[in-house]
Amino acid sequence: MPFPLPKFDQTKDEAAPAVIAAHRAARAEGKSSMEGYLAGVEAWRRIHPDHTQAYASTQATEVIIRATLRLRTDA
């Protein structure tokens, strides 16, 4: 039986703090949720310019979702 590969934890990536900060800043400015996610993707790509848009979107979205869920469960 094949073993599943360990999943990369995006929250430990060097880009994670910038992604979360960009998302929070966009939302604090009253921008839509989508614009917040796009800001996070842009932050990821600034730190990892070699990553494709699709890969950066996946990684940044994962970081934002994990951060949001953590905040909601800590309350």
C-alpha atoms as a PDB file:
ATOM      1  CA  MET A   1       0.000   0.000   0.000  1.00  0.00           C
ATOM      2  CA  PRO A   2       1.508   3.370  -0.974  1.00  0.00           C
ATOM      3  CA  PHE A   3       1.980   5.919   1.747  1.00  0.00           C
ATOM      4  CA  PRO A   4       0.714   9.455   1.188  1.00  0.00           C
ATOM      5  CA  LEU A   5       3.392  12.059   0.718  1.00  0.00           C
ATOM      6  CA  PRO A   6       3.700  14.537   3.569  1.00  0.00           C
ATOM      7  CA  LYS A   7       1.931  17.769   2.788  1.00  0.00           C
ATOM      8  CA  PHE A   8       3.970  20.941   2.626  1.00  0.00           C
ATOM      9  CA  ASP A   9       2.965  23.341   5.399  1.00  0.00           C
ATOM     10  CA  GLN A  10       2.655  26.683   3.641  1.00  0.00           C
ATOM     11  CA  THR A  11       2.339  28.543   6.937  1.00  0.00           C
ATOM     12  CA  LYS A  12       6.016  27.827   7.624  1.00  0.00           C
ATOM     13  CA  ASP A  13       7.133  29.348   4.313  1.00  0.00           C
ATOM     14  CA  GLU A  14       9.007  32.647   4.456  1.00  0.00           C
ATOM     15  CA  ALA A  15       6.198  34.273   2.436  1.00  0.00           C
ATOM     16  CA  ALA A  16       3.433  33.398   4.912  1.00  0.00           C
ATOM     17  CA  PRO A  17       3.683  36.510   7.129  1.00  0.00           C
ATOM     18  CA  ALA A  18       3.616  38.792   4.071  1.00  0.00           C
ATOM     19  CA  VAL A  19       0.634  36.926   2.610  1.00  0.00           C
ATOM     20  CA  ILE A  20      -1.356  37.227   5.841  1.00  0.00           C
ATOM     21  CA  ALA A  21      -0.431  40.895   6.270  1.00  0.00           C
ATOM     22  CA  ALA A  22      -1.417  41.732   2.686  1.00  0.00           C
ATOM     23  CA  HIS A  23      -4.752  39.955   3.050  1.00  0.00           C
ATOM     24  CA  ARG A  24      -5.537  41.642   6.375  1.00  0.00           C
ATOM     25  CA  ALA A  25      -4.536  45.070   5.055  1.00  0.00           C
ATOM     26  CA  ALA A  26      -6.756  44.717   1.999  1.00  0.00           C
ATOM     27  CA  ARG A  27      -9.719  43.614   4.096  1.00  0.00           C
ATOM     28  CA  ALA A  28      -9.112  46.427   6.616  1.00  0.00           C
ATOM     29  CA  GLU A  29      -9.265  48.894   3.708  1.00  0.00           C
ATOM     30  CA  GLY A  30     -12.728  47.586   2.929  1.00  0.00           C
ATOM     31  CA  LYS A  31     -11.715  45.626  -0.139  1.00  0.00           C
ATOM     32  CA  SER A  32     -13.615  42.496  -1.112  1.00  0.00           C
ATOM     33  CA  SER A  33     -12.572  39.037  -0.012  1.00  0.00           C
ATOM     34  CA  MET A  34     -11.363  38.312  -3.530  1.00  0.00           C
ATOM     35  CA  GLU A  35      -9.176  41.412  -3.511  1.00  0.00           C
ATOM     36  CA  GLY A  36      -7.760  40.285  -0.173  1.00  0.00           C
ATOM     37  CA  TYR A  37      -6.815  36.914  -1.631  1.00  0.00           C
ATOM     38  CA  LEU A  38      -5.289  38.594  -4.693  1.00  0.00           C
ATOM     39  CA  ALA A  39      -3.188  40.792  -2.416  1.00  0.00           C
ATOM     40  CA  GLY A  40      -1.962  37.641  -0.690  1.00  0.00           C
ATOM     41  CA  VAL A  41      -1.044  36.049  -4.009  1.00  0.00           C
ATOM     42  CA  GLU A  42       0.869  39.171  -5.023  1.00  0.00           C
ATOM     43  CA  ALA A  43       2.778  39.038  -1.731  1.00  0.00           C
ATOM     44  CA  TRP A  44       3.655  35.381  -2.332  1.00  0.00           C
ATOM     45  CA  ARG A  45       4.936  36.175  -5.838  1.00  0.00           C
ATOM     46  CA  ARG A  46       7.056  39.086  -4.582  1.00  0.00           C
ATOM     47  CA  ILE A  47       8.930  36.648  -2.352  1.00  0.00           C
ATOM     48  CA  HIS A  48       8.830  33.753  -4.843  1.00  0.00           C
ATOM     49  CA  PRO A  49       9.000  35.377  -8.301  1.00  0.00           C
ATOM     50  CA  ASP A  50       9.924  32.028  -9.843  1.00  0.00           C
ATOM     51  CA  HIS A  51       6.547  30.482  -8.917  1.00  0.00           C
ATOM     52  CA  THR A  52       3.746  30.407 -11.452  1.00  0.00           C
ATOM     53  CA  GLN A  53       0.581  32.397 -10.851  1.00  0.00           C
ATOM     54  CA  ALA A  54      -1.407  29.180 -10.382  1.00  0.00           C
ATOM     55  CA  TYR A  55       1.033  27.728  -7.842  1.00  0.00           C
ATOM     56  CA  ALA A  56       1.289  31.032  -5.960  1.00  0.00           C
ATOM     57  CA  SER A  57      -2.511  31.246  -5.833  1.00  0.00           C
ATOM     58  CA  THR A  58      -2.768  27.784  -4.322  1.00  0.00           C
ATOM     59  CA  GLN A  59      -0.080  28.420  -1.733  1.00  0.00           C
ATOM     60  CA  ALA A  60      -1.286  31.886  -0.707  1.00  0.00           C
ATOM     61  CA  THR A  61      -4.885  30.706  -0.446  1.00  0.00           C
ATOM     62  CA  GLU A  62      -3.819  27.846   1.809  1.00  0.00           C
ATOM     63  CA  VAL A  63      -1.923  30.252   4.074  1.00  0.00           C
ATOM     64  CA  ILE A  64      -4.897  32.623   4.315  1.00  0.00           C
ATOM     65  CA  ILE A  65      -7.385  29.847   4.997  1.00  0.00           C
ATOM     66  CA  ARG A  66      -5.211  28.286   7.695  1.00  0.00           C
ATOM     67  CA  ALA A  67      -4.651  31.667   9.346  1.00  0.00           C
ATOM     68  CA  THR A  68      -8.364  32.480   9.228  1.00  0.00           C
ATOM     69  CA  LEU A  69      -9.396  29.124  10.650  1.00  0.00           C
ATOM     70  CA  ARG A  70      -6.832  29.397  13.412  1.00  0.00           C
ATOM     71  CA  LEU A  71      -8.146  32.819  14.367  1.00  0.00           C
ATOM     72  CA  ARG A  72     -11.723  31.606  14.478  1.00  0.00           C
ATOM     73  CA  THR A  73     -10.964  28.543  16.585  1.00  0.00           C
ATOM     74  CA  ASP A  74      -8.854  30.510  19.064  1.00  0.00           C
ATOM     75  CA  ALA A  75     -11.733  32.846  19.888  1.00  0.00           C
END
